[in-house]
Amino acid sequence: MLKVNLLFLFVFIKFFNLSGQNYIQISDSTPCGLSNRFSIYGTSDDVNRLQTFLNRCNDLEYIRVKGYMPGEHWNQLFSVLSDYTRLKGLELFYNDGLEKVPKKIKENSGLRTISIIGNKDLNYEDLFKKLAKHDSLQKISLVDNKLKEVPGAFKNLKKLKKLHISGNEALNYTQLIENLKETNIEELSIPLNSLSDIPKNIKELKKLKVLDIRKNYVAELPDEISELDSLSEFMSEDNIFLDINEELSKLKGLNIRYLSFDPVKKEDFEKIRSVFPKATIERKESEFPLLENGITSIWDKGEPFDLSKSENLKGCDKAIRHYYALFVKRNEYFNYDSLGFFERLSDSKYSYNDKVLADGSYEGVQLMSHNKFFQRGDVNYPKYKTKKGEIAFSICPEGNLYPELKAFNSMLWVYVGEKSKKEFLKTFINNKTWKDVYLEYDRSNETFFVVVKGDFLEKIPVYPRYVNPKSSLNQAKSQYEKKFKMYERRLTLRSFRFNKEIEREKIKYKMRMKKRENQNWLRLKSYMCPYEKALSKEGWLNYKDYYILKNHSKIDTLPANANTLKLSSKIRYISFREGSVTGKKNFLNSVSGKVSLNIAQRSGYKLPTKCFIYYPEVNEVYWFNGDFEGFVDFKSNLNF
């Protein structure tokens, strides 16, 4: 996901830094009156230059500090700034290694904005505790910091009005909003954070006027967004809404004055305009056509490959070099599990529809014995009596899980199998947590089975009986059919809702794939010659094949050996490394490929395909003969 977003992150940083924020680097000769925005490097020399500049000029209002060199000069820097009352804005820009901002920042009482970009080592909890008493601090921007926790001190920034966060995918955004609800936040900008959902507690931000969720993977807006009574501006480009009309209609009752979203069909645009007649509406225009489902397609636009126009393209191969890195299938960043509800229910790899974790852990569900010696202290037990030697139990899911089981409320399960009480407790109750549980009913014998799922499925023969000891078994039996039908209806409804969600995930998955494909095609185009840029996808792929085959023809008749294998791989832009080359950090764990060398023997016969595998762990390359069907085929075993 990081690789997909990287290009857009740079665009955002560039936009963020350059939109009306041209900082001038302070030098020994910087004159007064030039600007109110200046930048320095985090070095001792530049801190001294800043101090000299402030002694003779009174222009500085916003400062950017770039980079990091450890030393006492950081305390000196914030000591200098604390004495300078005109300072309104501070930007810390990629100060790798900076862990704490000096205490003197507390004394910058006039600080209105702070921007922190690319600081992965900074202690944010400490920083915002120091800033908590700044009544003037109104705007915070956090970009590409790889934050993992929401600073709890956010809740103390009572005067905060604007917050911009991007490139921080690991944050818990529900917790972020929880910490913001005590503030006066009016503008929340959270683009480029790989969000799939907008937290439902967004409704808590009662004073929010502007919401920016651009460049995420949001398919649906929460219904709670309609409770943002103050919201007037909403930006949503580059998401994957399944139905933009349906989602924007959730804002219908609000006083929306500005809307922006991705290209839509004309009739959809007119519908949106009719819902928000007072709003300024901007839709992101695209030079590329829309597919049926509204996804922008940029692959098929362009011209076919024309050999007559390609004669003077020597060296026009930069895009070809990058093609495999961008488009050869590797580990998927986005994935969805297409297995349906009932398949998961019976599959031991799943627990309550979710896959069991790699370490084998899962939440699970327990059975509770009604034997008084095994009763849990945290459970309210119904008062009833069991017969001597009888084994009775209940199913105890957490919270609202397994809602279908509520069809048998006020009933307990009585075991009718062959196990003794001791064996039953050991097998099903004591220290047991099951991945799933469901019911089966043998109507002919009026016998139920509680099916529990561990490493395999086990059926427990039982019958349900009312907790009330005054109720007879016949009364319970008279309700079996009715209650089991209710159970089936509820289970079917849960399966329907789940399978519907799976279908939606499938659609979202395809949209994500198309979006990533489009992004990669745009990145590939940045490497293309002008001639290549005019080609369609099919045209460019034909050009690539032609270019490679043309260059490869020079070695088609060479004998096959290690050198020609290496040369052929180079011409085809396929990674090949000698065994003596030491692998560097972050190299692929293994590279395997099947390459048609197309190298002929002197007798005129073509050699079979050559296969090679490179193992960085032992720094060795192996190659060997394959079958005669020659083609380039990279296996999807590449790990980063």
Foldseek 3Di string as FASTA:
>chain_A
DCVLLVVVLVVVVVCVCPVPNDADEQDQPDDEPPAQHHEYEADLVRLVSVLVCVVVYLRHAEYEYEEEDDDPVQVVNLVSQLVNQNHAEYEYEQHEPDAERDLSVLSNLNHAEYEYENAQRYDVLRVLVSVLPNLRHAEYEYGQRQDQEARLSLLSNANHAYYAYANHQNYDVVVVVVSCLNHQHAEYAYEHNQDQADDLCVLSNQNHAYYHHEHYAHQAYDLSVCNNQNHAYYEYENYRHQQVLVRCVSVLVHNHAEYEYEDDDPVSVVSSCVSHVNHDYYYDDDPADADPRRFGFDFFAFAAADPVPCPPCPPQCQLLLCCCVQDPDADDPDDADQDADVVQQQAQQAFLRHGQDPVRDDDFWAKFWPPVVGHDPVDDDQDADDDPQKTKIAIGDPDCPLVLVCLQPQKIKTFDDDDGPVVCCVPGHPPDGFRHWDKDADVVVRWMWIWTHHVHIDTTIIHIDGRYHVDDPVVRSVCSVVSVVSSVVVVVVVRVVRSVVSVVSVSSRVSVVSSSVVSSVVVSLVSGDPVLVRHHNNRNVVVSVVQLVVVLVVQLAPDDDPVLVVVNCVSSSHDDAALVDADDPPDWQKWKKWAQSNHAYPVGHGFAIKIWMAGNVRSHIDIDGDGRPGDIDTDRPTDD
